[in-house]
Amino acid sequence: MDKTATVSVARLATGYHGRKGDIVVTQPFDAALYSGELTCLLGPNGAGKSTLLKTLSAFQPPVSGNIYINNRALSAYDDAELARTIGVVLTEKVNVSNMTVRQLVALGRSPYTGFWGALSRDDAAVVAEAMATVHIDTLCDRMVSTLSDGERQKVMIAKALAQETPVIFLDEPTAFLDYPSKVEIMRLLHGLARQRGITVFLSTHDIELALQMADRLWLMDKMHGVVTGTPEDLSLDGSIARYFDSTGVAFDINTGSFAIDWKPGLSVRLVGEGPRAVMVRKALLRNGYRCSADLLCDTVVEVLSDSYLVNGRQCTDIAGLLVELSTAIPLAE
């Protein structure tokens, strides 16, 4: 079954209108965002990700082209309608004092109550549900200023949920978070898109997470423009490798992930299978050794069930293996 395109762009070019003419950041492109999907916007610094998000959010006008939300031109929406259609979570930390989590999340209801409007019973129920959905209901009476970065990000997502919009845009929601918190936020957003049937679009520098969790990607840079598709299709057609071509890093099409592009100068025959062999291979590559069971060379590393052999000499751990290996092969050939 075809998914609904809630947001679509036609020959959209982003940038700025200046006195001496337009400054184009993103060349014209066509693309769409779909209900029930998490889409990630990837690109290097300076590619124009924030400019694109601001344009899609109606914070600044496009240089040219058109943006449609639910088949209606973005320019046709007034401020009140936009507030009920698009929720936006920005990168900047919220600088609020003397405000509780519940009060901040409740601001998401302002499109329906007015900024100073009192919450009805239904409004309060929406706020409570939003906090429960992102698992911050136990923090509801905490002051926002006492929260961790990850907790603050959840509060802002809950505020956007309380806004009850079909579209949510987020600008680098995983910035400043540790890795487990990044994964938690991405899983949360992916689940929200699925469970609520909303459109979630976010910019991020966490390429590996995006490759694993995004339903679709928008790749952008100034040389190649914008290309869209599933992570898998963009991997297979070479787009991922092309957009993130960098010295020292290589995209592995077999795993669909990036890896350090080591340039080993030494060789070792590695015999063994399983997780222990994988870890040995990782350590050998880092230390400049090319390793394979098919290599014909004088030095052989064998992976046993509880130890390792380097040319027949036993080592109890990988650290010892590397020491033994350094004496078996000179550091330079």
C-alpha atoms as a PDB file:
ATOM      1  CA  MET A   1       0.000   0.000   0.000  1.00  0.00           C
ATOM      2  CA  ASP A   2       1.325   3.435  -0.935  1.00  0.00           C
ATOM      3  CA  LYS A   3       2.144   5.764   1.914  1.00  0.00           C
ATOM      4  CA  THR A   4       0.785   9.279   2.055  1.00  0.00           C
ATOM      5  CA  ALA A   5       3.192  12.091   1.157  1.00  0.00           C
ATOM      6  CA  THR A   6       2.443  14.661   3.849  1.00  0.00           C
ATOM      7  CA  VAL A   7       5.231  17.018   2.767  1.00  0.00           C
ATOM      8  CA  SER A   8       6.459  17.413  -0.804  1.00  0.00           C
ATOM      9  CA  VAL A   9       8.755  19.870  -2.524  1.00  0.00           C
ATOM     10  CA  ALA A  10       8.885  20.735  -6.222  1.00  0.00           C
ATOM     11  CA  ARG A  11      12.034  22.300  -7.683  1.00  0.00           C
ATOM     12  CA  LEU A  12      12.795  23.728  -4.250  1.00  0.00           C
ATOM     13  CA  ALA A  13      15.914  25.889  -3.950  1.00  0.00           C
ATOM     14  CA  THR A  14      16.900  27.183  -0.522  1.00  0.00           C
ATOM     15  CA  GLY A  15      19.069  30.126   0.459  1.00  0.00           C
ATOM     16  CA  TYR A  16      18.733  33.821   1.119  1.00  0.00           C
ATOM     17  CA  HIS A  17      17.388  36.852  -0.670  1.00  0.00           C
ATOM     18  CA  GLY A  18      20.090  39.525  -0.632  1.00  0.00           C
ATOM     19  CA  ARG A  19      20.303  43.088  -1.908  1.00  0.00           C
ATOM     20  CA  LYS A  20      22.714  41.979  -4.618  1.00  0.00           C
ATOM     21  CA  GLY A  21      20.683  38.935  -5.568  1.00  0.00           C
ATOM     22  CA  ASP A  22      19.786  35.526  -4.274  1.00  0.00           C
ATOM     23  CA  ILE A  23      22.336  33.384  -2.438  1.00  0.00           C
ATOM     24  CA  VAL A  24      21.461  29.779  -3.293  1.00  0.00           C
ATOM     25  CA  VAL A  25      22.471  27.169  -0.708  1.00  0.00           C
ATOM     26  CA  THR A  26      20.614  24.157  -2.107  1.00  0.00           C
ATOM     27  CA  GLN A  27      20.023  23.764  -5.824  1.00  0.00           C
ATOM     28  CA  PRO A  28      16.459  22.883  -7.003  1.00  0.00           C
ATOM     29  CA  PHE A  29      15.277  19.384  -6.133  1.00  0.00           C
ATOM     30  CA  ASP A  30      12.113  17.305  -5.782  1.00  0.00           C
ATOM     31  CA  ALA A  31      11.412  15.127  -2.741  1.00  0.00           C
ATOM     32  CA  ALA A  32       8.729  13.964  -0.320  1.00  0.00           C
ATOM     33  CA  LEU A  33       8.238  13.008   3.326  1.00  0.00           C
ATOM     34  CA  TYR A  34       5.741  10.326   4.265  1.00  0.00           C
ATOM     35  CA  SER A  35       3.373   9.652   7.133  1.00  0.00           C
ATOM     36  CA  GLY A  36       4.458   6.925   9.522  1.00  0.00           C
ATOM     37  CA  GLU A  37       8.125   7.311   8.596  1.00  0.00           C
ATOM     38  CA  LEU A  38      11.301   8.641  10.175  1.00  0.00           C
ATOM     39  CA  THR A  39      13.425  10.461   7.589  1.00  0.00           C
ATOM     40  CA  CYS A  40      16.961  11.661   8.348  1.00  0.00           C
ATOM     41  CA  LEU A  41      18.710  14.576   6.642  1.00  0.00           C
ATOM     42  CA  LEU A  42      22.442  13.921   6.302  1.00  0.00           C
ATOM     43  CA  GLY A  43      25.243  16.074   4.992  1.00  0.00           C
ATOM     44  CA  PRO A  44      28.520  17.745   5.968  1.00  0.00           C
ATOM     45  CA  ASN A  45      28.732  21.018   7.872  1.00  0.00           C
ATOM     46  CA  GLY A  46      27.858  23.913   5.588  1.00  0.00           C
ATOM     47  CA  ALA A  47      25.730  21.796   3.254  1.00  0.00           C
ATOM     48  CA  GLY A  48      22.602  23.748   4.188  1.00  0.00           C
ATOM     49  CA  LYS A  49      20.732  21.331   6.461  1.00  0.00           C
ATOM     50  CA  SER A  50      19.595  24.005   8.910  1.00  0.00           C
ATOM     51  CA  THR A  51      18.620  26.331   6.051  1.00  0.00           C
ATOM     52  CA  LEU A  52      16.502  23.575   4.521  1.00  0.00           C
ATOM     53  CA  LEU A  53      14.781  22.838   7.823  1.00  0.00           C
ATOM     54  CA  LYS A  54      14.039  26.525   8.376  1.00  0.00           C
ATOM     55  CA  THR A  55      12.601  26.760   4.877  1.00  0.00           C
ATOM     56  CA  LEU A  56      10.387  23.708   5.324  1.00  0.00           C
ATOM     57  CA  SER A  57       9.239  25.117   8.689  1.00  0.00           C
ATOM     58  CA  ALA A  58       8.309  28.489   7.082  1.00  0.00           C
ATOM     59  CA  PHE A  59      10.892  30.329   9.195  1.00  0.00           C
ATOM     60  CA  GLN A  60      12.364  31.691   5.959  1.00  0.00           C
ATOM     61  CA  PRO A  61      11.109  31.738   2.362  1.00  0.00           C
ATOM     62  CA  PRO A  62      12.522  29.527  -0.379  1.00  0.00           C
ATOM     63  CA  VAL A  63      14.648  31.055  -3.118  1.00  0.00           C
ATOM     64  CA  SER A  64      12.423  29.304  -5.638  1.00  0.00           C
ATOM     65  CA  GLY A  65      10.141  26.331  -5.977  1.00  0.00           C
ATOM     66  CA  ASN A  66       7.205  25.141  -3.938  1.00  0.00           C
ATOM     67  CA  ILE A  67       6.527  23.335  -0.650  1.00  0.00           C
ATOM     68  CA  TYR A  68       3.286  21.483  -0.059  1.00  0.00           C
ATOM     69  CA  ILE A  69       1.865  20.063   3.162  1.00  0.00           C
ATOM     70  CA  ASN A  70      -1.089  17.734   2.720  1.00  0.00           C
ATOM     71  CA  ASN A  71      -1.284  18.881  -0.928  1.00  0.00           C
ATOM     72  CA  ARG A  72      -1.652  22.522   0.105  1.00  0.00           C
ATOM     73  CA  ALA A  73       0.998  25.164  -0.539  1.00  0.00           C
ATOM     74  CA  LEU A  74       2.937  26.090   2.597  1.00  0.00           C
ATOM     75  CA  SER A  75       2.514  29.769   1.719  1.00  0.00           C
ATOM     76  CA  ALA A  76      -1.265  29.364   2.016  1.00  0.00           C
ATOM     77  CA  TYR A  77      -1.096  28.499   5.726  1.00  0.00           C
ATOM     78  CA  ASP A  78      -1.480  31.259   8.296  1.00  0.00           C
ATOM     79  CA  ASP A  79       0.490  31.185  11.561  1.00  0.00           C
ATOM     80  CA  ALA A  80      -2.285  29.542  13.542  1.00  0.00           C
ATOM     81  CA  GLU A  81      -2.719  26.788  10.963  1.00  0.00           C
ATOM     82  CA  LEU A  82       1.029  26.166  10.798  1.00  0.00           C
ATOM     83  CA  ALA A  83       1.189  25.813  14.575  1.00  0.00           C
ATOM     84  CA  ARG A  84      -1.351  23.015  14.313  1.00  0.00           C
ATOM     85  CA  THR A  85       0.442  21.386  11.391  1.00  0.00           C
ATOM     86  CA  ILE A  86       4.197  21.533  12.077  1.00  0.00           C
ATOM     87  CA  GLY A  87       5.991  20.921  15.352  1.00  0.00           C
ATOM     88  CA  VAL A  88       9.611  22.094  15.467  1.00  0.00           C
ATOM     89  CA  VAL A  89      12.363  21.034  17.892  1.00  0.00           C
ATOM     90  CA  LEU A  90      15.550  23.091  17.524  1.00  0.00           C
ATOM     91  CA  THR A  91      19.118  22.293  18.571  1.00  0.00           C
ATOM     92  CA  GLU A  92      19.484  25.208  20.981  1.00  0.00           C
ATOM     93  CA  LYS A  93      19.086  24.344  24.633  1.00  0.00           C
ATOM     94  CA  VAL A  94      15.971  25.771  26.217  1.00  0.00           C
ATOM     95  CA  ASN A  95      16.936  28.624  28.531  1.00  0.00           C
ATOM     96  CA  VAL A  96      14.070  28.707  31.004  1.00  0.00           C
ATOM     97  CA  SER A  97      14.031  29.303  34.720  1.00  0.00           C
ATOM     98  CA  ASN A  98      11.333  28.676  37.306  1.00  0.00           C
ATOM     99  CA  MET A  99       9.419  26.405  34.938  1.00  0.00           C
ATOM    100  CA  THR A 100       8.556  22.777  35.537  1.00  0.00           C
ATOM    101  CA  VAL A 101       8.596  20.017  32.943  1.00  0.00           C
ATOM    102  CA  ARG A 102       4.810  19.914  32.933  1.00  0.00           C
ATOM    103  CA  GLN A 103       4.586  23.672  32.331  1.00  0.00           C
ATOM    104  CA  LEU A 104       7.039  23.548  29.420  1.00  0.00           C
ATOM    105  CA  VAL A 105       5.293  20.603  27.764  1.00  0.00           C
ATOM    106  CA  ALA A 106       1.975  22.424  28.265  1.00  0.00           C
ATOM    107  CA  LEU A 107       3.239  25.240  26.035  1.00  0.00           C
ATOM    108  CA  GLY A 108       2.691  22.803  23.190  1.00  0.00           C
ATOM    109  CA  ARG A 109      -1.025  23.404  23.672  1.00  0.00           C
ATOM    110  CA  SER A 110      -0.712  27.165  22.989  1.00  0.00           C
ATOM    111  CA  PRO A 111      -1.921  26.812  19.345  1.00  0.00           C
ATOM    112  CA  TYR A 112      -5.245  25.727  20.847  1.00  0.00           C
ATOM    113  CA  THR A 113      -5.398  27.811  24.052  1.00  0.00           C
ATOM    114  CA  GLY A 114      -3.320  30.894  23.260  1.00  0.00           C
ATOM    115  CA  PHE A 115       0.021  31.465  25.023  1.00  0.00           C
ATOM    116  CA  TRP A 116      -1.598  32.493  28.326  1.00  0.00           C
ATOM    117  CA  GLY A 117      -4.702  30.326  27.913  1.00  0.00           C
ATOM    118  CA  ALA A 118      -5.736  28.006  30.704  1.00  0.00           C
ATOM    119  CA  LEU A 119      -5.635  24.289  30.000  1.00  0.00           C
ATOM    120  CA  SER A 120      -8.913  22.481  29.791  1.00  0.00           C
ATOM    121  CA  ARG A 121      -9.283  18.968  31.137  1.00  0.00           C
ATOM    122  CA  ASP A 122      -8.729  17.636  27.618  1.00  0.00           C
ATOM    123  CA  ASP A 123      -5.598  19.778  27.189  1.00  0.00           C
ATOM    124  CA  ALA A 124      -4.187  18.496  30.477  1.00  0.00           C
ATOM    125  CA  ALA A 125      -4.851  14.923  29.336  1.00  0.00           C
ATOM    126  CA  VAL A 126      -2.933  15.541  26.092  1.00  0.00           C
ATOM    127  CA  VAL A 127       0.021  16.948  28.067  1.00  0.00           C
ATOM    128  CA  ALA A 128       0.014  13.968  30.426  1.00  0.00           C
ATOM    129  CA  GLU A 129      -0.118  11.533  27.514  1.00  0.00           C
ATOM    130  CA  ALA A 130       2.767  13.289  25.744  1.00  0.00           C
ATOM    131  CA  MET A 131       4.947  13.050  28.859  1.00  0.00           C
ATOM    132  CA  ALA A 132       4.042   9.388  29.365  1.00  0.00           C
ATOM    133  CA  THR A 133       4.771   8.592  25.720  1.00  0.00           C
ATOM    134  CA  VAL A 134       8.376   9.819  26.009  1.00  0.00           C
ATOM    135  CA  HIS A 135       8.728   8.368  29.517  1.00  0.00           C
ATOM    136  CA  ILE A 136       9.195  11.624  31.420  1.00  0.00           C
ATOM    137  CA  ASP A 137       5.983  11.541  33.454  1.00  0.00           C
ATOM    138  CA  THR A 138       8.040  10.936  36.608  1.00  0.00           C
ATOM    139  CA  LEU A 139       9.888  14.210  35.897  1.00  0.00           C
ATOM    140  CA  CYS A 140       6.731  16.297  35.527  1.00  0.00           C
ATOM    141  CA  ASP A 141       7.339  18.407  38.645  1.00  0.00           C
ATOM    142  CA  ARG A 142      11.099  18.804  38.151  1.00  0.00           C
ATOM    143  CA  MET A 143      12.468  22.221  37.229  1.00  0.00           C
ATOM    144  CA  VAL A 144      13.685  22.221  33.624  1.00  0.00           C
ATOM    145  CA  SER A 145      16.978  23.813  34.716  1.00  0.00           C
ATOM    146  CA  THR A 146      17.845  20.661  36.708  1.00  0.00           C
ATOM    147  CA  LEU A 147      17.517  18.242  33.784  1.00  0.00           C
ATOM    148  CA  SER A 148      20.253  16.487  31.860  1.00  0.00           C
ATOM    149  CA  ASP A 149      20.668  17.144  28.135  1.00  0.00           C
ATOM    150  CA  GLY A 150      18.910  13.887  27.271  1.00  0.00           C
ATOM    151  CA  GLU A 151      16.017  14.655  29.605  1.00  0.00           C
ATOM    152  CA  ARG A 152      15.647  18.148  28.144  1.00  0.00           C
ATOM    153  CA  GLN A 153      15.507  16.726  24.654  1.00  0.00           C
ATOM    154  CA  LYS A 154      12.726  14.362  25.682  1.00  0.00           C
ATOM    155  CA  VAL A 155      10.819  17.299  27.189  1.00  0.00           C
ATOM    156  CA  MET A 156      11.032  19.210  23.900  1.00  0.00           C
ATOM    157  CA  ILE A 157       9.821  16.161  21.981  1.00  0.00           C
ATOM    158  CA  ALA A 158       6.931  15.814  24.437  1.00  0.00           C
ATOM    159  CA  LYS A 159       6.101  19.491  23.871  1.00  0.00           C
ATOM    160  CA  ALA A 160       5.964  18.851  20.125  1.00  0.00           C
ATOM    161  CA  LEU A 161       3.721  15.831  20.708  1.00  0.00           C
ATOM    162  CA  ALA A 162       1.408  17.911  22.876  1.00  0.00           C
ATOM    163  CA  GLN A 163       1.089  20.225  19.885  1.00  0.00           C
ATOM    164  CA  GLU A 164      -0.623  17.325  18.068  1.00  0.00           C
ATOM    165  CA  THR A 165       0.778  18.100  14.641  1.00  0.00           C
ATOM    166  CA  PRO A 166       0.973  15.582  11.778  1.00  0.00           C
ATOM    167  CA  VAL A 167       4.539  16.731  11.017  1.00  0.00           C
ATOM    168  CA  ILE A 168       7.513  17.152  13.367  1.00  0.00           C
ATOM    169  CA  PHE A 169      10.844  18.658  12.268  1.00  0.00           C
ATOM    170  CA  LEU A 170      13.911  18.320  14.509  1.00  0.00           C
ATOM    171  CA  ASP A 171      17.297  19.983  14.077  1.00  0.00           C
ATOM    172  CA  GLU A 172      20.015  17.602  15.341  1.00  0.00           C
ATOM    173  CA  PRO A 173      18.038  16.179  18.278  1.00  0.00           C
ATOM    174  CA  THR A 174      20.908  13.865  19.249  1.00  0.00           C
ATOM    175  CA  ALA A 175      23.563  16.592  19.460  1.00  0.00           C
ATOM    176  CA  PHE A 176      25.318  16.806  22.864  1.00  0.00           C
ATOM    177  CA  LEU A 177      24.032  13.381  23.931  1.00  0.00           C
ATOM    178  CA  ASP A 178      26.036  10.294  24.871  1.00  0.00           C
ATOM    179  CA  TYR A 179      25.666   7.253  22.631  1.00  0.00           C
ATOM    180  CA  PRO A 180      23.040   5.351  24.663  1.00  0.00           C
ATOM    181  CA  SER A 181      20.937   8.539  24.826  1.00  0.00           C
ATOM    182  CA  LYS A 182      21.304   9.043  21.065  1.00  0.00           C
ATOM    183  CA  VAL A 183      19.991   5.535  20.460  1.00  0.00           C
ATOM    184  CA  GLU A 184      17.144   6.071  22.916  1.00  0.00           C
ATOM    185  CA  ILE A 185      16.025   9.304  21.220  1.00  0.00           C
ATOM    186  CA  MET A 186      16.220   7.774  17.740  1.00  0.00           C
ATOM    187  CA  ARG A 187      14.257   4.693  18.829  1.00  0.00           C
ATOM    188  CA  LEU A 188      11.687   6.973  20.432  1.00  0.00           C
ATOM    189  CA  LEU A 189      11.237   9.052  17.271  1.00  0.00           C
ATOM    190  CA  HIS A 190      11.081   5.974  15.056  1.00  0.00           C
ATOM    191  CA  GLY A 191       8.420   4.473  17.313  1.00  0.00           C
ATOM    192  CA  LEU A 192       6.396   7.692  17.380  1.00  0.00           C
ATOM    193  CA  ALA A 193       6.321   7.858  13.594  1.00  0.00           C
ATOM    194  CA  ARG A 194       5.119   4.260  13.392  1.00  0.00           C
ATOM    195  CA  GLN A 195       2.622   4.290  16.246  1.00  0.00           C
ATOM    196  CA  ARG A 196       1.055   7.684  15.571  1.00  0.00           C
ATOM    197  CA  GLY A 197       1.363   7.740  11.801  1.00  0.00           C
ATOM    198  CA  ILE A 198       3.105  11.109  11.890  1.00  0.00           C
ATOM    199  CA  THR A 199       5.898  12.418   9.685  1.00  0.00           C
ATOM    200  CA  VAL A 200       9.210  12.829  11.531  1.00  0.00           C
ATOM    201  CA  PHE A 201      12.068  14.588   9.731  1.00  0.00           C
ATOM    202  CA  LEU A 202      15.362  15.342  11.440  1.00  0.00           C
ATOM    203  CA  SER A 203      18.863  16.494  10.621  1.00  0.00           C
ATOM    204  CA  THR A 204      21.738  14.615  12.188  1.00  0.00           C
ATOM    205  CA  HIS A 205      25.474  13.966  12.017  1.00  0.00           C
ATOM    206  CA  ASP A 206      25.016  10.478  13.459  1.00  0.00           C
ATOM    207  CA  ILE A 207      25.366   8.689  10.133  1.00  0.00           C
ATOM    208  CA  GLU A 208      25.605   5.173  11.520  1.00  0.00           C
ATOM    209  CA  LEU A 209      22.422   5.559  13.567  1.00  0.00           C
ATOM    210  CA  ALA A 210      20.597   7.053  10.604  1.00  0.00           C
ATOM    211  CA  LEU A 211      21.661   4.160   8.373  1.00  0.00           C
ATOM    212  CA  GLN A 212      20.216   1.686  10.871  1.00  0.00           C
ATOM    213  CA  MET A 213      17.043   3.477  11.966  1.00  0.00           C
ATOM    214  CA  ALA A 214      15.814   5.834   9.239  1.00  0.00           C
ATOM    215  CA  ASP A 215      13.067   4.716   6.873  1.00  0.00           C
ATOM    216  CA  ARG A 216      14.398   7.175   4.297  1.00  0.00           C
ATOM    217  CA  LEU A 217      17.386   9.467   3.921  1.00  0.00           C
ATOM    218  CA  TRP A 218      17.830  12.855   2.334  1.00  0.00           C
ATOM    219  CA  LEU A 219      21.513  13.215   1.429  1.00  0.00           C
ATOM    220  CA  MET A 220      22.758  16.691   0.614  1.00  0.00           C
ATOM    221  CA  ASP A 221      25.950  18.511  -0.160  1.00  0.00           C
ATOM    222  CA  LYS A 222      26.867  21.431  -2.389  1.00  0.00           C
ATOM    223  CA  MET A 223      28.534  19.274  -5.043  1.00  0.00           C
ATOM    224  CA  HIS A 224      25.894  16.573  -5.519  1.00  0.00           C
ATOM    225  CA  GLY A 225      22.751  18.412  -4.439  1.00  0.00           C
ATOM    226  CA  VAL A 226      19.989  16.379  -2.776  1.00  0.00           C
ATOM    227  CA  VAL A 227      19.202  12.709  -3.340  1.00  0.00           C
ATOM    228  CA  THR A 228      16.601  10.684  -1.434  1.00  0.00           C
ATOM    229  CA  GLY A 229      15.765   7.042  -0.852  1.00  0.00           C
ATOM    230  CA  THR A 230      15.896   4.216   1.659  1.00  0.00           C
ATOM    231  CA  PRO A 231      19.299   3.643   3.327  1.00  0.00           C
ATOM    232  CA  GLU A 232      19.514   0.311   1.529  1.00  0.00           C
ATOM    233  CA  ASP A 233      18.821   1.696  -1.960  1.00  0.00           C
ATOM    234  CA  LEU A 234      21.226   4.576  -1.438  1.00  0.00           C
ATOM    235  CA  SER A 235      23.860   2.101  -0.282  1.00  0.00           C
ATOM    236  CA  LEU A 236      23.421  -0.140  -3.299  1.00  0.00           C
ATOM    237  CA  ASP A 237      23.457   2.658  -5.893  1.00  0.00           C
ATOM    238  CA  GLY A 238      26.660   4.136  -4.444  1.00  0.00           C
ATOM    239  CA  SER A 239      25.126   7.368  -3.130  1.00  0.00           C
ATOM    240  CA  ILE A 240      26.218   6.809   0.494  1.00  0.00           C
ATOM    241  CA  ALA A 241      29.826   6.196  -0.517  1.00  0.00           C
ATOM    242  CA  ARG A 242      29.762   9.143  -2.930  1.00  0.00           C
ATOM    243  CA  TYR A 243      28.322  11.662  -0.478  1.00  0.00           C
ATOM    244  CA  PHE A 244      30.650  10.645   2.332  1.00  0.00           C
ATOM    245  CA  ASP A 245      33.836  10.077   0.378  1.00  0.00           C
ATOM    246  CA  SER A 246      36.579  10.927   2.832  1.00  0.00           C
ATOM    247  CA  THR A 247      40.211   9.997   3.260  1.00  0.00           C
ATOM    248  CA  GLY A 248      40.640   7.332   5.909  1.00  0.00           C
ATOM    249  CA  VAL A 249      37.000   6.195   5.940  1.00  0.00           C
ATOM    250  CA  ALA A 250      35.368   3.650   3.651  1.00  0.00           C
ATOM    251  CA  PHE A 251      31.753   2.536   3.228  1.00  0.00           C
ATOM    252  CA  ASP A 252      31.402  -1.247   3.339  1.00  0.00           C
ATOM    253  CA  ILE A 253      28.557  -2.261   1.027  1.00  0.00           C
ATOM    254  CA  ASN A 254      28.478  -5.739   2.594  1.00  0.00           C
ATOM    255  CA  THR A 255      27.673  -4.456   6.076  1.00  0.00           C
ATOM    256  CA  GLY A 256      26.009  -1.164   5.126  1.00  0.00           C
ATOM    257  CA  SER A 257      28.261   0.744   7.518  1.00  0.00           C
ATOM    258  CA  PHE A 258      31.414   2.843   7.607  1.00  0.00           C
ATOM    259  CA  ALA A 259      34.802   1.605   8.740  1.00  0.00           C
ATOM    260  CA  ILE A 260      38.295   2.982   9.103  1.00  0.00           C
ATOM    261  CA  ASP A 261      40.138   2.481   5.833  1.00  0.00           C
ATOM    262  CA  TRP A 262      43.288   0.954   7.261  1.00  0.00           C
ATOM    263  CA  LYS A 263      46.342   0.664   5.001  1.00  0.00           C
ATOM    264  CA  PRO A 264      48.113  -2.364   6.490  1.00  0.00           C
ATOM    265  CA  GLY A 265      51.724  -2.903   5.499  1.00  0.00           C
ATOM    266  CA  LEU A 266      52.284  -6.271   7.142  1.00  0.00           C
ATOM    267  CA  SER A 267      50.646  -9.672   6.675  1.00  0.00           C
ATOM    268  CA  VAL A 268      49.446 -12.411   8.995  1.00  0.00           C
ATOM    269  CA  ARG A 269      47.650 -15.646   8.285  1.00  0.00           C
ATOM    270  CA  LEU A 270      44.674 -15.709  10.677  1.00  0.00           C
ATOM    271  CA  VAL A 271      43.054 -19.068  11.399  1.00  0.00           C
ATOM    272  CA  GLY A 272      39.822 -19.252  13.386  1.00  0.00           C
ATOM    273  CA  GLU A 273      36.182 -18.230  13.435  1.00  0.00           C
ATOM    274  CA  GLY A 274      33.631 -16.645  15.720  1.00  0.00           C
ATOM    275  CA  PRO A 275      33.642 -13.495  17.886  1.00  0.00           C
ATOM    276  CA  ARG A 276      37.174 -14.059  19.198  1.00  0.00           C
ATOM    277  CA  ALA A 277      38.531 -14.180  15.637  1.00  0.00           C
ATOM    278  CA  VAL A 278      36.588 -11.029  14.749  1.00  0.00           C
ATOM    279  CA  MET A 279      38.154  -9.190  17.696  1.00  0.00           C
ATOM    280  CA  VAL A 280      41.636 -10.426  16.764  1.00  0.00           C
ATOM    281  CA  ARG A 281      41.133  -9.221  13.182  1.00  0.00           C
ATOM    282  CA  LYS A 282      40.051  -5.815  14.496  1.00  0.00           C
ATOM    283  CA  ALA A 283      43.153  -5.534  16.692  1.00  0.00           C
ATOM    284  CA  LEU A 284      45.454  -6.687  13.890  1.00  0.00           C
ATOM    285  CA  LEU A 285      44.094  -4.128  11.410  1.00  0.00           C
ATOM    286  CA  ARG A 286      44.530  -1.332  13.948  1.00  0.00           C
ATOM    287  CA  ASN A 287      48.158  -2.354  14.390  1.00  0.00           C
ATOM    288  CA  GLY A 288      48.957  -2.482  10.670  1.00  0.00           C
ATOM    289  CA  TYR A 289      48.495  -6.163   9.895  1.00  0.00           C
ATOM    290  CA  ARG A 290      46.576  -7.483   6.902  1.00  0.00           C
ATOM    291  CA  CYS A 291      45.028 -10.788   7.956  1.00  0.00           C
ATOM    292  CA  SER A 292      43.229 -13.640   6.228  1.00  0.00           C
ATOM    293  CA  ALA A 293      43.109 -17.434   6.339  1.00  0.00           C
ATOM    294  CA  ASP A 294      44.151 -17.467   2.678  1.00  0.00           C
ATOM    295  CA  LEU A 295      47.368 -15.478   3.021  1.00  0.00           C
ATOM    296  CA  LEU A 296      50.606 -17.326   2.459  1.00  0.00           C
ATOM    297  CA  CYS A 297      53.123 -15.924   4.929  1.00  0.00           C
ATOM    298  CA  ASP A 298      55.566 -16.999   7.625  1.00  0.00           C
ATOM    299  CA  THR A 299      53.526 -15.821  10.596  1.00  0.00           C
ATOM    300  CA  VAL A 300      50.346 -17.636  11.614  1.00  0.00           C
ATOM    301  CA  VAL A 301      47.895 -16.567  14.314  1.00  0.00           C
ATOM    302  CA  GLU A 302      45.479 -19.250  15.490  1.00  0.00           C
ATOM    303  CA  VAL A 303      42.357 -18.509  17.529  1.00  0.00           C
ATOM    304  CA  LEU A 304      41.560 -21.267  20.023  1.00  0.00           C
ATOM    305  CA  SER A 305      38.578 -21.621  22.369  1.00  0.00           C
ATOM    306  CA  ASP A 306      40.371 -20.028  25.319  1.00  0.00           C
ATOM    307  CA  SER A 307      43.689 -18.698  24.021  1.00  0.00           C
ATOM    308  CA  TYR A 308      45.714 -17.748  20.945  1.00  0.00           C
ATOM    309  CA  LEU A 309      48.788 -19.097  19.191  1.00  0.00           C
ATOM    310  CA  VAL A 310      51.393 -16.974  17.379  1.00  0.00           C
ATOM    311  CA  ASN A 311      53.604 -19.345  15.377  1.00  0.00           C
ATOM    312  CA  GLY A 312      52.774 -21.992  17.976  1.00  0.00           C
ATOM    313  CA  ARG A 313      53.495 -19.805  21.027  1.00  0.00           C
ATOM    314  CA  GLN A 314      50.504 -19.495  23.333  1.00  0.00           C
ATOM    315  CA  CYS A 315      49.004 -16.184  24.468  1.00  0.00           C
ATOM    316  CA  THR A 316      46.146 -15.835  26.946  1.00  0.00           C
ATOM    317  CA  ASP A 317      44.731 -12.564  25.618  1.00  0.00           C
ATOM    318  CA  ILE A 318      44.857 -10.260  22.601  1.00  0.00           C
ATOM    319  CA  ALA A 319      47.189  -7.814  24.338  1.00  0.00           C
ATOM    320  CA  GLY A 320      49.724 -10.614  24.764  1.00  0.00           C
ATOM    321  CA  LEU A 321      49.132 -11.742  21.194  1.00  0.00           C
ATOM    322  CA  LEU A 322      50.106  -8.305  19.900  1.00  0.00           C
ATOM    323  CA  VAL A 323      53.285  -8.294  21.997  1.00  0.00           C
ATOM    324  CA  GLU A 324      54.233 -11.728  20.726  1.00  0.00           C
ATOM    325  CA  LEU A 325      53.424 -10.675  17.173  1.00  0.00           C
ATOM    326  CA  SER A 326      55.681  -7.627  17.415  1.00  0.00           C
ATOM    327  CA  THR A 327      58.626  -9.907  18.074  1.00  0.00           C
ATOM    328  CA  ALA A 328      57.628 -12.336  15.336  1.00  0.00           C
ATOM    329  CA  ILE A 329      57.436  -9.653  12.616  1.00  0.00           C
ATOM    330  CA  PRO A 330      59.625  -6.549  12.396  1.00  0.00           C
ATOM    331  CA  LEU A 331      57.744  -3.242  12.595  1.00  0.00           C
ATOM    332  CA  ALA A 332      58.817  -2.271   9.067  1.00  0.00           C
ATOM    333  CA  GLU A 333      59.213  -4.403   6.002  1.00  0.00           C
END
